[in-house]
PDB file of all heavy atoms in Angstrom:
ATOM      1  N   TYR A   1      29.824 101.673  59.227  1.00  0.00           N
ATOM      2  CA  TYR A   1      30.965 101.559  58.313  1.00  0.00           C
ATOM      3  C   TYR A   1      31.142 100.146  57.763  1.00  0.00           C
ATOM      4  O   TYR A   1      32.058  99.917  56.963  1.00  0.00           O
ATOM      5  CB  TYR A   1      32.245 102.005  59.028  1.00  0.00           C
ATOM      6  CG  TYR A   1      32.274 103.479  59.322  1.00  0.00           C
ATOM      7  CD1 TYR A   1      31.817 103.972  60.546  1.00  0.00           C
ATOM      8  CD2 TYR A   1      32.721 104.391  58.373  1.00  0.00           C
ATOM      9  CE1 TYR A   1      31.824 105.332  60.818  1.00  0.00           C
ATOM     10  CE2 TYR A   1      32.735 105.754  58.637  1.00  0.00           C
ATOM     11  CZ  TYR A   1      32.289 106.217  59.863  1.00  0.00           C
ATOM     12  OH  TYR A   1      32.295 107.569  60.124  1.00  0.00           O
ATOM     13  N   ASN A   2      30.293  99.232  58.223  1.00  0.00           N
ATOM     14  CA  ASN A   2      30.356  97.846  57.759  1.00  0.00           C
ATOM     15  C   ASN A   2      31.755  97.260  57.933  1.00  0.00           C
ATOM     16  O   ASN A   2      32.240  96.481  57.111  1.00  0.00           O
ATOM     17  CB  ASN A   2      29.926  97.767  56.287  1.00  0.00           C
ATOM     18  CG  ASN A   2      29.605  96.339  55.861  1.00  0.00           C
ATOM     19  OD1 ASN A   2      29.147  95.531  56.681  1.00  0.00           O
ATOM     20  ND2 ASN A   2      29.837  96.022  54.600  1.00  0.00           N
ATOM     21  N   PHE A   3      32.407  97.660  59.020  1.00  0.00           N
ATOM     22  CA  PHE A   3      33.758  97.179  59.321  1.00  0.00           C
ATOM     23  C   PHE A   3      33.700  96.407  60.626  1.00  0.00           C
ATOM     24  O   PHE A   3      33.398  96.956  61.686  1.00  0.00           O
ATOM     25  CB  PHE A   3      34.729  98.355  59.438  1.00  0.00           C
ATOM     26  CG  PHE A   3      36.179  97.938  59.545  1.00  0.00           C
ATOM     27  CD1 PHE A   3      36.943  97.764  58.394  1.00  0.00           C
ATOM     28  CD2 PHE A   3      36.769  97.710  60.780  1.00  0.00           C
ATOM     29  CE1 PHE A   3      38.267  97.388  58.470  1.00  0.00           C
ATOM     30  CE2 PHE A   3      38.093  97.325  60.873  1.00  0.00           C
ATOM     31  CZ  PHE A   3      38.855  97.167  59.723  1.00  0.00           C
ATOM     32  N   THR A   4      33.995  95.111  60.555  1.00  0.00           N
ATOM     33  CA  THR A   4      33.867  94.223  61.698  1.00  0.00           C
ATOM     34  C   THR A   4      35.239  93.818  62.235  1.00  0.00           C
ATOM     35  O   THR A   4      36.274  94.160  61.659  1.00  0.00           O
ATOM     36  CB  THR A   4      33.096  92.960  61.303  1.00  0.00           C
ATOM     37  OG1 THR A   4      33.917  92.198  60.399  1.00  0.00           O
ATOM     38  CG2 THR A   4      31.780  93.309  60.616  1.00  0.00           C
ATOM     39  N   LEU A   5      35.219  93.046  63.306  1.00  0.00           N
ATOM     40  CA  LEU A   5      36.473  92.533  63.844  1.00  0.00           C
ATOM     41  C   LEU A   5      37.158  91.588  62.862  1.00  0.00           C
ATOM     42  O   LEU A   5      38.390  91.541  62.786  1.00  0.00           O
ATOM     43  CB  LEU A   5      36.218  91.805  65.173  1.00  0.00           C
ATOM     44  CG  LEU A   5      35.888  92.700  66.372  1.00  0.00           C
ATOM     45  CD1 LEU A   5      35.535  91.846  67.582  1.00  0.00           C
ATOM     46  CD2 LEU A   5      37.059  93.617  66.697  1.00  0.00           C
ATOM     47  N   VAL A   6      36.352  90.846  62.102  1.00  0.00           N
ATOM     48  CA  VAL A   6      36.923  89.954  61.084  1.00  0.00           C
ATOM     49  C   VAL A   6      37.697  90.768  60.053  1.00  0.00           C
ATOM     50  O   VAL A   6      38.781  90.363  59.605  1.00  0.00           O
ATOM     51  CB  VAL A   6      35.813  89.124  60.404  1.00  0.00           C
ATOM     52  CG1 VAL A   6      36.385  88.314  59.240  1.00  0.00           C
ATOM     53  CG2 VAL A   6      35.154  88.198  61.416  1.00  0.00           C
ATOM     54  N   ASP A   7      37.164  91.927  59.691  1.00  0.00           N
ATOM     55  CA  ASP A   7      37.866  92.805  58.745  1.00  0.00           C
ATOM     56  C   ASP A   7      39.194  93.269  59.335  1.00  0.00           C
ATOM     57  O   ASP A   7      40.202  93.369  58.627  1.00  0.00           O
ATOM     58  CB  ASP A   7      37.001  94.017  58.396  1.00  0.00           C
ATOM     59  CG  ASP A   7      35.755  93.643  57.640  1.00  0.00           C
ATOM     60  OD1 ASP A   7      35.867  92.866  56.674  1.00  0.00           O
ATOM     61  OD2 ASP A   7      34.664  94.105  58.022  1.00  0.00           O
ATOM     62  N   LEU A   8      39.189  93.552  60.634  1.00  0.00           N
ATOM     63  CA  LEU A   8      40.427  93.969  61.295  1.00  0.00           C
ATOM     64  C   LEU A   8      41.444  92.831  61.294  1.00  0.00           C
ATOM     65  O   LEU A   8      42.635  93.053  61.015  1.00  0.00           O
ATOM     66  CB  LEU A   8      40.144  94.421  62.727  1.00  0.00           C
ATOM     67  CG  LEU A   8      41.382  94.825  63.543  1.00  0.00           C
ATOM     68  CD1 LEU A   8      42.071  96.032  62.917  1.00  0.00           C
ATOM     69  CD2 LEU A   8      40.990  95.126  64.989  1.00  0.00           C
ATOM     70  N   TYR A   9      40.984  91.621  61.588  1.00  0.00           N
ATOM     71  CA  TYR A   9      41.883  90.469  61.602  1.00  0.00           C
ATOM     72  C   TYR A   9      42.542  90.278  60.228  1.00  0.00           C
ATOM     73  O   TYR A   9      43.741  90.008  60.127  1.00  0.00           O
ATOM     74  CB  TYR A   9      41.137  89.185  61.975  1.00  0.00           C
ATOM     75  CG  TYR A   9      40.407  89.230  63.288  1.00  0.00           C
ATOM     76  CD1 TYR A   9      39.261  88.458  63.497  1.00  0.00           C
ATOM     77  CD2 TYR A   9      40.838  90.049  64.329  1.00  0.00           C
ATOM     78  CE1 TYR A   9      38.583  88.488  64.704  1.00  0.00           C
ATOM     79  CE2 TYR A   9      40.166  90.091  65.536  1.00  0.00           C
ATOM     80  CZ  TYR A   9      39.034  89.308  65.716  1.00  0.00           C
ATOM     81  OH  TYR A   9      38.355  89.344  66.904  1.00  0.00           O
ATOM     82  N   GLN A  10      41.731  90.403  59.182  1.00  0.00           N
ATOM     83  CA  GLN A  10      42.259  90.239  57.828  1.00  0.00           C
ATOM     84  C   GLN A  10      43.239  91.365  57.490  1.00  0.00           C
ATOM     85  O   GLN A  10      44.263  91.142  56.838  1.00  0.00           O
ATOM     86  CB  GLN A  10      41.103  90.216  56.819  1.00  0.00           C
ATOM     87  CG  GLN A  10      40.204  88.994  56.962  1.00  0.00           C
ATOM     88  CD  GLN A  10      38.988  89.049  56.057  1.00  0.00           C
ATOM     89  OE1 GLN A  10      38.626  90.119  55.556  1.00  0.00           O
ATOM     90  NE2 GLN A  10      38.342  87.910  55.859  1.00  0.00           N
ATOM     91  N   LEU A  11      42.918  92.559  57.957  1.00  0.00           N
ATOM     92  CA  LEU A  11      43.759  93.723  57.679  1.00  0.00           C
ATOM     93  C   LEU A  11      45.130  93.596  58.333  1.00  0.00           C
ATOM     94  O   LEU A  11      46.163  93.851  57.701  1.00  0.00           O
ATOM     95  CB  LEU A  11      43.054  94.985  58.182  1.00  0.00           C
ATOM     96  CG  LEU A  11      43.656  96.334  57.795  1.00  0.00           C
ATOM     97  CD1 LEU A  11      43.631  96.524  56.283  1.00  0.00           C
ATOM     98  CD2 LEU A  11      42.877  97.461  58.470  1.00  0.00           C
ATOM     99  N   THR A  12      45.135  93.173  59.590  1.00  0.00           N
ATOM    100  CA  THR A  12      46.407  93.080  60.311  1.00  0.00           C
ATOM    101  C   THR A  12      47.269  91.918  59.829  1.00  0.00           C
ATOM    102  O   THR A  12      48.449  91.844  60.157  1.00  0.00           O
ATOM    103  CB  THR A  12      46.168  92.938  61.831  1.00  0.00           C
ATOM    104  OG1 THR A  12      45.266  91.845  62.082  1.00  0.00           O
ATOM    105  CG2 THR A  12      45.566  94.214  62.392  1.00  0.00           C
ATOM    106  N   ASN A  13      46.675  91.034  59.049  1.00  0.00           N
ATOM    107  CA  ASN A  13      47.449  89.943  58.446  1.00  0.00           C
ATOM    108  C   ASN A  13      47.919  90.301  57.048  1.00  0.00           C
ATOM    109  O   ASN A  13      48.649  89.549  56.407  1.00  0.00           O
ATOM    110  CB  ASN A  13      46.613  88.668  58.383  1.00  0.00           C
ATOM    111  CG  ASN A  13      47.453  87.439  58.113  1.00  0.00           C
ATOM    112  OD1 ASN A  13      48.547  87.294  58.651  1.00  0.00           O
ATOM    113  ND2 ASN A  13      46.961  86.564  57.254  1.00  0.00           N
ATOM    114  N   LYS A  14      47.500  91.478  56.579  1.00  0.00           N
ATOM    115  CA  LYS A  14      47.776  91.881  55.196  1.00  0.00           C
ATOM    116  C   LYS A  14      48.845  92.961  55.106  1.00  0.00           C
ATOM    117  O   LYS A  14      49.692  92.920  54.218  1.00  0.00           O
ATOM    118  CB  LYS A  14      46.473  92.376  54.552  1.00  0.00           C
ATOM    119  CG  LYS A  14      46.634  92.911  53.143  1.00  0.00           C
ATOM    120  CD  LYS A  14      45.300  93.425  52.624  1.00  0.00           C
ATOM    121  CE  LYS A  14      45.452  94.025  51.222  1.00  0.00           C
ATOM    122  NZ  LYS A  14      44.176  94.573  50.720  1.00  0.00           N
ATOM    123  N   ILE A  15      48.811  93.928  56.026  1.00  0.00           N
ATOM    124  CA  ILE A  15      49.727  95.064  55.937  1.00  0.00           C
ATOM    125  C   ILE A  15      51.098  94.660  56.460  1.00  0.00           C
ATOM    126  O   ILE A  15      51.285  94.442  57.651  1.00  0.00           O
ATOM    127  CB  ILE A  15      49.185  96.285  56.707  1.00  0.00           C
ATOM    128  CG1 ILE A  15      47.858  96.739  56.087  1.00  0.00           C
ATOM    129  CG2 ILE A  15      50.194  97.425  56.704  1.00  0.00           C
ATOM    130  CD1 ILE A  15      47.221  97.910  56.796  1.00  0.00           C
ATOM    131  N   ASP A  16      52.042  94.589  55.565  1.00  0.00           N
ATOM    132  CA  ASP A  16      53.385  94.102  55.890  1.00  0.00           C
ATOM    133  C   ASP A  16      54.320  95.292  56.106  1.00  0.00           C
ATOM    134  O   ASP A  16      55.197  95.566  55.294  1.00  0.00           O
ATOM    135  CB  ASP A  16      53.890  93.214  54.751  1.00  0.00           C
ATOM    136  CG  ASP A  16      55.209  92.541  55.067  1.00  0.00           C
ATOM    137  OD1 ASP A  16      55.570  92.487  56.258  1.00  0.00           O
ATOM    138  OD2 ASP A  16      55.871  92.083  54.128  1.00  0.00           O
ATOM    139  N   PHE A  17      54.132  95.981  57.235  1.00  0.00           N
ATOM    140  CA  PHE A  17      54.891  97.223  57.448  1.00  0.00           C
ATOM    141  C   PHE A  17      56.359  96.972  57.737  1.00  0.00           C
ATOM    142  O   PHE A  17      57.185  97.883  57.621  1.00  0.00           O
ATOM    143  CB  PHE A  17      54.253  98.050  58.565  1.00  0.00           C
ATOM    144  CG  PHE A  17      54.496  97.533  59.956  1.00  0.00           C
ATOM    145  CD1 PHE A  17      55.425  98.146  60.781  1.00  0.00           C
ATOM    146  CD2 PHE A  17      53.786  96.447  60.450  1.00  0.00           C
ATOM    147  CE1 PHE A  17      55.648  97.681  62.058  1.00  0.00           C
ATOM    148  CE2 PHE A  17      54.001  95.978  61.726  1.00  0.00           C
ATOM    149  CZ  PHE A  17      54.937  96.602  62.531  1.00  0.00           C
ATOM    150  N   LEU A  18      56.728  95.759  58.096  1.00  0.00           N
ATOM    151  CA  LEU A  18      58.136  95.424  58.328  1.00  0.00           C
ATOM    152  C   LEU A  18      58.779  94.739  57.119  1.00  0.00           C
ATOM    153  O   LEU A  18      59.924  94.301  57.182  1.00  0.00           O
ATOM    154  CB  LEU A  18      58.265  94.510  59.552  1.00  0.00           C
ATOM    155  CG  LEU A  18      57.952  95.143  60.902  1.00  0.00           C
ATOM    156  CD1 LEU A  18      58.056  94.093  62.007  1.00  0.00           C
ATOM    157  CD2 LEU A  18      58.895  96.306  61.202  1.00  0.00           C
ATOM    158  N   ASN A  19      57.994  94.665  56.023  1.00  0.00           N
ATOM    159  CA  ASN A  19      58.488  94.002  54.809  1.00  0.00           C
ATOM    160  C   ASN A  19      58.953  92.571  55.096  1.00  0.00           C
ATOM    161  O   ASN A  19      59.972  92.103  54.581  1.00  0.00           O
ATOM    162  CB  ASN A  19      59.635  94.809  54.183  1.00  0.00           C
ATOM    163  CG  ASN A  19      59.164  96.146  53.650  1.00  0.00           C
ATOM    164  OD1 ASN A  19      58.110  96.235  53.028  1.00  0.00           O
ATOM    165  ND2 ASN A  19      59.929  97.196  53.904  1.00  0.00           N
ATOM    166  N   LYS A  20      58.172  91.888  55.933  1.00  0.00           N
ATOM    167  CA  LYS A  20      58.527  90.518  56.306  1.00  0.00           C
ATOM    168  C   LYS A  20      58.565  89.586  55.094  1.00  0.00           C
ATOM    169  O   LYS A  20      59.416  88.704  55.002  1.00  0.00           O
ATOM    170  CB  LYS A  20      57.515  89.986  57.320  1.00  0.00           C
ATOM    171  CG  LYS A  20      57.607  90.612  58.701  1.00  0.00           C
ATOM    172  CD  LYS A  20      58.614  89.878  59.549  1.00  0.00           C
ATOM    173  CE  LYS A  20      58.568  90.355  60.978  1.00  0.00           C
ATOM    174  NZ  LYS A  20      59.418  89.559  61.871  1.00  0.00           N
ATOM    175  N   LYS A  21      57.628  89.781  54.167  1.00  0.00           N
ATOM    176  CA  LYS A  21      57.587  88.900  53.000  1.00  0.00           C
ATOM    177  C   LYS A  21      58.859  89.036  52.177  1.00  0.00           C
ATOM    178  O   LYS A  21      59.442  88.043  51.744  1.00  0.00           O
ATOM    179  CB  LYS A  21      56.356  89.222  52.147  1.00  0.00           C
ATOM    180  CG  LYS A  21      55.033  88.829  52.801  1.00  0.00           C
ATOM    181  CD  LYS A  21      53.856  89.153  51.899  1.00  0.00           C
ATOM    182  CE  LYS A  21      52.546  88.751  52.560  1.00  0.00           C
ATOM    183  NZ  LYS A  21      51.368  89.087  51.712  1.00  0.00           N
ATOM    184  N   ILE A  22      59.267  90.285  51.969  1.00  0.00           N
ATOM    185  CA  ILE A  22      60.482  90.521  51.195  1.00  0.00           C
ATOM    186  C   ILE A  22      61.694  89.947  51.924  1.00  0.00           C
ATOM    187  O   ILE A  22      62.560  89.307  51.330  1.00  0.00           O
ATOM    188  CB  ILE A  22      60.667  92.028  50.924  1.00  0.00           C
ATOM    189  CG1 ILE A  22      59.531  92.549  50.038  1.00  0.00           C
ATOM    190  CG2 ILE A  22      62.018  92.306  50.272  1.00  0.00           C
ATOM    191  CD1 ILE A  22      59.576  94.037  49.791  1.00  0.00           C
ATOM    192  N   LEU A  23      61.735  90.197  53.248  1.00  0.00           N
ATOM    193  CA  LEU A  23      62.860  89.696  54.033  1.00  0.00           C
ATOM    194  C   LEU A  23      62.914  88.167  54.017  1.00  0.00           C
ATOM    195  O   LEU A  23      63.997  87.571  53.970  1.00  0.00           O
ATOM    196  CB  LEU A  23      62.762  90.209  55.467  1.00  0.00           C
ATOM    197  CG  LEU A  23      62.991  91.714  55.650  1.00  0.00           C
ATOM    198  CD1 LEU A  23      62.742  92.115  57.099  1.00  0.00           C
ATOM    199  CD2 LEU A  23      64.403  92.096  55.245  1.00  0.00           C
ATOM    200  N   ASN A  24      61.730  87.531  54.061  1.00  0.00           N
ATOM    201  CA  ASN A  24      61.690  86.073  54.016  1.00  0.00           C
ATOM    202  C   ASN A  24      62.187  85.547  52.672  1.00  0.00           C
ATOM    203  O   ASN A  24      62.886  84.533  52.605  1.00  0.00           O
ATOM    204  CB  ASN A  24      60.268  85.570  54.285  1.00  0.00           C
ATOM    205  CG  ASN A  24      59.924  85.595  55.764  1.00  0.00           C
ATOM    206  OD1 ASN A  24      60.813  85.576  56.608  1.00  0.00           O
ATOM    207  ND2 ASN A  24      58.646  85.648  56.069  1.00  0.00           N
ATOM    208  N   ILE A  25      61.808  86.238  51.595  1.00  0.00           N
ATOM    209  CA  ILE A  25      62.270  85.835  50.270  1.00  0.00           C
ATOM    210  C   ILE A  25      63.788  85.951  50.181  1.00  0.00           C
ATOM    211  O   ILE A  25      64.477  85.048  49.688  1.00  0.00           O
ATOM    212  CB  ILE A  25      61.595  86.696  49.178  1.00  0.00           C
ATOM    213  CG1 ILE A  25      60.091  86.383  49.106  1.00  0.00           C
ATOM    214  CG2 ILE A  25      62.256  86.463  47.822  1.00  0.00           C
ATOM    215  CD1 ILE A  25      59.314  87.299  48.182  1.00  0.00           C
ATOM    216  N   ILE A  26      64.306  87.085  50.670  1.00  0.00           N
ATOM    217  CA  ILE A  26      65.762  87.290  50.665  1.00  0.00           C
ATOM    218  C   ILE A  26      66.459  86.225  51.504  1.00  0.00           C
ATOM    219  O   ILE A  26      67.473  85.651  51.110  1.00  0.00           O
ATOM    220  CB  ILE A  26      66.103  88.709  51.180  1.00  0.00           C
ATOM    221  CG1 ILE A  26      65.580  89.766  50.211  1.00  0.00           C
ATOM    222  CG2 ILE A  26      67.610  88.867  51.379  1.00  0.00           C
ATOM    223  CD1 ILE A  26      65.727  91.188  50.708  1.00  0.00           C
ATOM    224  N   HIS A  27      65.866  85.960  52.682  1.00  0.00           N
ATOM    225  CA  HIS A  27      66.455  84.966  53.584  1.00  0.00           C
ATOM    226  C   HIS A  27      66.450  83.575  52.949  1.00  0.00           C
ATOM    227  O   HIS A  27      67.456  82.853  53.001  1.00  0.00           O
ATOM    228  CB  HIS A  27      65.684  84.950  54.900  1.00  0.00           C
ATOM    229  CG  HIS A  27      66.184  83.939  55.890  1.00  0.00           C
ATOM    230  ND1 HIS A  27      67.426  84.016  56.467  1.00  0.00           N
ATOM    231  CD2 HIS A  27      65.604  82.810  56.391  1.00  0.00           C
ATOM    232  CE1 HIS A  27      67.609  83.002  57.291  1.00  0.00           C
ATOM    233  NE2 HIS A  27      66.519  82.255  57.258  1.00  0.00           N
ATOM    234  N   ASN A  28      65.318  83.227  52.349  1.00  0.00           N
ATOM    235  CA  ASN A  28      65.227  81.911  51.717  1.00  0.00           C
ATOM    236  C   ASN A  28      66.191  81.786  50.534  1.00  0.00           C
ATOM    237  O   ASN A  28      66.790  80.719  50.319  1.00  0.00           O
ATOM    238  CB  ASN A  28      63.789  81.643  51.260  1.00  0.00           C
ATOM    239  CG  ASN A  28      62.844  81.442  52.435  1.00  0.00           C
ATOM    240  OD1 ASN A  28      63.277  81.055  53.520  1.00  0.00           O
ATOM    241  ND2 ASN A  28      61.569  81.715  52.232  1.00  0.00           N
ATOM    242  N   ASN A  29      66.330  82.867  49.772  1.00  0.00           N
ATOM    243  CA  ASN A  29      67.282  82.846  48.658  1.00  0.00           C
ATOM    244  C   ASN A  29      68.714  82.698  49.170  1.00  0.00           C
ATOM    245  O   ASN A  29      69.537  82.009  48.567  1.00  0.00           O
ATOM    246  CB  ASN A  29      67.163  84.124  47.830  1.00  0.00           C
ATOM    247  CG  ASN A  29      65.927  84.119  46.953  1.00  0.00           C
ATOM    248  OD1 ASN A  29      65.369  83.057  46.667  1.00  0.00           O
ATOM    249  ND2 ASN A  29      65.489  85.288  46.514  1.00  0.00           N
ATOM    250  N   PHE A  30      68.980  83.360  50.289  1.00  0.00           N
ATOM    251  CA  PHE A  30      70.308  83.266  50.891  1.00  0.00           C
ATOM    252  C   PHE A  30      70.591  81.826  51.328  1.00  0.00           C
ATOM    253  O   PHE A  30      71.668  81.288  51.078  1.00  0.00           O
ATOM    254  CB  PHE A  30      70.417  84.205  52.090  1.00  0.00           C
ATOM    255  CG  PHE A  30      71.695  84.054  52.866  1.00  0.00           C
ATOM    256  CD1 PHE A  30      72.884  84.604  52.400  1.00  0.00           C
ATOM    257  CD2 PHE A  30      71.718  83.347  54.065  1.00  0.00           C
ATOM    258  CE1 PHE A  30      74.058  84.452  53.106  1.00  0.00           C
ATOM    259  CE2 PHE A  30      72.893  83.194  54.784  1.00  0.00           C
ATOM    260  CZ  PHE A  30      74.066  83.750  54.297  1.00  0.00           C
ATOM    261  N   LEU A  31      69.579  81.209  51.983  1.00  0.00           N
ATOM    262  CA  LEU A  31      69.752  79.823  52.418  1.00  0.00           C
ATOM    263  C   LEU A  31      69.946  78.898  51.233  1.00  0.00           C
ATOM    264  O   LEU A  31      70.748  77.955  51.277  1.00  0.00           O
ATOM    265  CB  LEU A  31      68.546  79.379  53.244  1.00  0.00           C
ATOM    266  CG  LEU A  31      68.359  80.053  54.611  1.00  0.00           C
ATOM    267  CD1 LEU A  31      67.103  79.535  55.282  1.00  0.00           C
ATOM    268  CD2 LEU A  31      69.581  79.816  55.501  1.00  0.00           C
ATOM    269  N   LEU A  32      69.217  79.170  50.139  1.00  0.00           N
ATOM    270  CA  LEU A  32      69.346  78.347  48.944  1.00  0.00           C
ATOM    271  C   LEU A  32      70.746  78.475  48.354  1.00  0.00           C
ATOM    272  O   LEU A  32      71.384  77.470  48.018  1.00  0.00           O
ATOM    273  CB  LEU A  32      68.292  78.757  47.916  1.00  0.00           C
ATOM    274  CG  LEU A  32      68.321  78.019  46.569  1.00  0.00           C
ATOM    275  CD1 LEU A  32      68.095  76.529  46.776  1.00  0.00           C
ATOM    276  CD2 LEU A  32      67.276  78.590  45.618  1.00  0.00           C
ATOM    277  N   LYS A  33      71.215  79.719  48.246  1.00  0.00           N
ATOM    278  CA  LYS A  33      72.556  79.943  47.697  1.00  0.00           C
ATOM    279  C   LYS A  33      73.613  79.300  48.601  1.00  0.00           C
ATOM    280  O   LYS A  33      74.593  78.722  48.117  1.00  0.00           O
ATOM    281  CB  LYS A  33      72.828  81.446  47.571  1.00  0.00           C
ATOM    282  CG  LYS A  33      71.930  82.180  46.580  1.00  0.00           C
ATOM    283  CD  LYS A  33      72.186  81.725  45.145  1.00  0.00           C
ATOM    284  CE  LYS A  33      71.350  82.534  44.163  1.00  0.00           C
ATOM    285  NZ  LYS A  33      71.521  82.064  42.770  1.00  0.00           N
ATOM    286  N   GLU A  34      73.389  79.409  49.909  1.00  0.00           N
ATOM    287  CA  GLU A  34      74.331  78.823  50.863  1.00  0.00           C
ATOM    288  C   GLU A  34      74.384  77.313  50.708  1.00  0.00           C
ATOM    289  O   GLU A  34      75.456  76.701  50.736  1.00  0.00           O
ATOM    290  CB  GLU A  34      73.919  79.203  52.288  1.00  0.00           C
ATOM    291  CG  GLU A  34      74.938  78.852  53.346  1.00  0.00           C
ATOM    292  CD  GLU A  34      74.507  79.307  54.721  1.00  0.00           C
ATOM    293  OE1 GLU A  34      73.366  79.002  55.107  1.00  0.00           O
ATOM    294  OE2 GLU A  34      75.300  79.978  55.409  1.00  0.00           O
ATOM    295  N   GLN A  35      73.194  76.706  50.513  1.00  0.00           N
ATOM    296  CA  GLN A  35      73.142  75.253  50.330  1.00  0.00           C
ATOM    297  C   GLN A  35      73.796  74.845  49.014  1.00  0.00           C
ATOM    298  O   GLN A  35      74.521  73.849  48.950  1.00  0.00           O
ATOM    299  CB  GLN A  35      71.679  74.781  50.358  1.00  0.00           C
ATOM    300  CG  GLN A  35      71.519  73.259  50.283  1.00  0.00           C
ATOM    301  CD  GLN A  35      72.159  72.565  51.477  1.00  0.00           C
ATOM    302  OE1 GLN A  35      71.906  72.931  52.616  1.00  0.00           O
ATOM    303  NE2 GLN A  35      72.991  71.558  51.197  1.00  0.00           N
ATOM    304  N   GLN A  36      73.551  75.634  47.964  1.00  0.00           N
ATOM    305  CA  GLN A  36      74.160  75.343  46.669  1.00  0.00           C
ATOM    306  C   GLN A  36      75.682  75.442  46.754  1.00  0.00           C
ATOM    307  O   GLN A  36      76.398  74.616  46.174  1.00  0.00           O
ATOM    308  CB  GLN A  36      73.615  76.308  45.610  1.00  0.00           C
ATOM    309  CG  GLN A  36      72.154  76.072  45.257  1.00  0.00           C
ATOM    310  CD  GLN A  36      71.605  77.144  44.339  1.00  0.00           C
ATOM    311  OE1 GLN A  36      72.178  78.227  44.223  1.00  0.00           O
ATOM    312  NE2 GLN A  36      70.498  76.839  43.681  1.00  0.00           N
ATOM    313  N   LEU A  37      76.151  76.471  47.484  1.00  0.00           N
ATOM    314  CA  LEU A  37      77.592  76.640  47.648  1.00  0.00           C
ATOM    315  C   LEU A  37      78.194  75.477  48.443  1.00  0.00           C
ATOM    316  O   LEU A  37      79.268  74.966  48.112  1.00  0.00           O
ATOM    317  CB  LEU A  37      77.878  77.973  48.352  1.00  0.00           C
ATOM    318  CG  LEU A  37      79.356  78.328  48.578  1.00  0.00           C
ATOM    319  CD1 LEU A  37      80.085  78.411  47.245  1.00  0.00           C
ATOM    320  CD2 LEU A  37      79.479  79.637  49.346  1.00  0.00           C
ATOM    321  N   GLU A  38      77.468  75.055  49.476  1.00  0.00           N
ATOM    322  CA  GLU A  38      77.935  73.931  50.291  1.00  0.00           C
ATOM    323  C   GLU A  38      77.992  72.657  49.455  1.00  0.00           C
ATOM    324  O   GLU A  38      78.961  71.880  49.546  1.00  0.00           O
ATOM    325  CB  GLU A  38      77.004  73.742  51.481  1.00  0.00           C
ATOM    326  CG  GLU A  38      77.449  72.666  52.458  1.00  0.00           C
ATOM    327  CD  GLU A  38      76.535  72.556  53.663  1.00  0.00           C
ATOM    328  OE1 GLU A  38      75.913  73.578  54.018  1.00  0.00           O
ATOM    329  OE2 GLU A  38      76.423  71.458  54.217  1.00  0.00           O
ATOM    330  N   ASN A  39      76.979  72.453  48.610  1.00  0.00           N
ATOM    331  CA  ASN A  39      76.973  71.278  47.747  1.00  0.00           C
ATOM    332  C   ASN A  39      78.135  71.319  46.748  1.00  0.00           C
ATOM    333  O   ASN A  39      78.786  70.307  46.478  1.00  0.00           O
ATOM    334  CB  ASN A  39      75.655  71.183  46.982  1.00  0.00           C
ATOM    335  CG  ASN A  39      74.490  70.864  47.896  1.00  0.00           C
ATOM    336  OD1 ASN A  39      74.689  70.375  49.011  1.00  0.00           O
ATOM    337  ND2 ASN A  39      73.278  71.151  47.447  1.00  0.00           N
ATOM    338  N   ALA A  40      78.392  72.530  46.207  1.00  0.00           N
ATOM    339  CA  ALA A  40      79.487  72.684  45.245  1.00  0.00           C
ATOM    340  C   ALA A  40      80.827  72.413  45.920  1.00  0.00           C
ATOM    341  O   ALA A  40      81.695  71.728  45.346  1.00  0.00           O
ATOM    342  CB  ALA A  40      79.457  74.094  44.648  1.00  0.00           C
ATOM    343  N   ASN A  41      80.993  72.920  47.131  1.00  0.00           N
ATOM    344  CA  ASN A  41      82.238  72.669  47.860  1.00  0.00           C
ATOM    345  C   ASN A  41      82.430  71.183  48.146  1.00  0.00           C
ATOM    346  O   ASN A  41      83.553  70.652  48.094  1.00  0.00           O
ATOM    347  CB  ASN A  41      82.253  73.464  49.176  1.00  0.00           C
ATOM    348  CG  ASN A  41      82.450  74.953  48.949  1.00  0.00           C
ATOM    349  OD1 ASN A  41      83.013  75.347  47.931  1.00  0.00           O
ATOM    350  ND2 ASN A  41      81.998  75.772  49.892  1.00  0.00           N
ATOM    351  N   TYR A  42      81.331  70.517  48.452  1.00  0.00           N
ATOM    352  CA  TYR A  42      81.389  69.082  48.721  1.00  0.00           C
ATOM    353  C   TYR A  42      81.834  68.321  47.480  1.00  0.00           C
ATOM    354  O   TYR A  42      82.684  67.413  47.549  1.00  0.00           O
ATOM    355  CB  TYR A  42      80.022  68.588  49.193  1.00  0.00           C
ATOM    356  CG  TYR A  42      79.949  67.095  49.397  1.00  0.00           C
ATOM    357  CD1 TYR A  42      80.594  66.485  50.482  1.00  0.00           C
ATOM    358  CD2 TYR A  42      79.234  66.294  48.501  1.00  0.00           C
ATOM    359  CE1 TYR A  42      80.531  65.109  50.653  1.00  0.00           C
ATOM    360  CE2 TYR A  42      79.167  64.921  48.674  1.00  0.00           C
ATOM    361  CZ  TYR A  42      79.815  64.332  49.751  1.00  0.00           C
ATOM    362  OH  TYR A  42      79.760  62.969  49.929  1.00  0.00           O
ATOM    363  N   GLU A  43      81.283  68.685  46.312  1.00  0.00           N
ATOM    364  CA  GLU A  43      81.646  68.008  45.072  1.00  0.00           C
ATOM    365  C   GLU A  43      83.103  68.279  44.708  1.00  0.00           C
ATOM    366  O   GLU A  43      83.815  67.392  44.225  1.00  0.00           O
ATOM    367  CB  GLU A  43      80.724  68.464  43.932  1.00  0.00           C
ATOM    368  CG  GLU A  43      79.276  68.015  44.079  1.00  0.00           C
ATOM    369  CD  GLU A  43      79.167  66.496  44.113  1.00  0.00           C
ATOM    370  OE1 GLU A  43      79.955  65.805  43.412  1.00  0.00           O
ATOM    371  OE2 GLU A  43      78.307  65.984  44.852  1.00  0.00           O
ATOM    372  N   ILE A  44      83.557  69.508  44.954  1.00  0.00           N
ATOM    373  CA  ILE A  44      84.962  69.841  44.681  1.00  0.00           C
ATOM    374  C   ILE A  44      85.888  69.017  45.569  1.00  0.00           C
ATOM    375  O   ILE A  44      86.903  68.466  45.115  1.00  0.00           O
ATOM    376  CB  ILE A  44      85.204  71.356  44.892  1.00  0.00           C
ATOM    377  CG1 ILE A  44      84.472  72.164  43.818  1.00  0.00           C
ATOM    378  CG2 ILE A  44      86.702  71.674  44.864  1.00  0.00           C
ATOM    379  CD1 ILE A  44      84.489  73.654  44.035  1.00  0.00           C
TER     380      ILE A  44
END
C-alpha cells in the first residue's frame, strides 16, 4: 500500500477531529478583542 509510519505521523498531525485550529482562531480572536477592550477602557 506504500503507506509507511511517516505517512501515519503526517496523517495524525493533519486530521483535526476536535476542530482545534478553529477553536484556536476563536480563542485568539477573543484574546485580541479582550486586549482591545482593555486598552479602550484604559484610555477612557
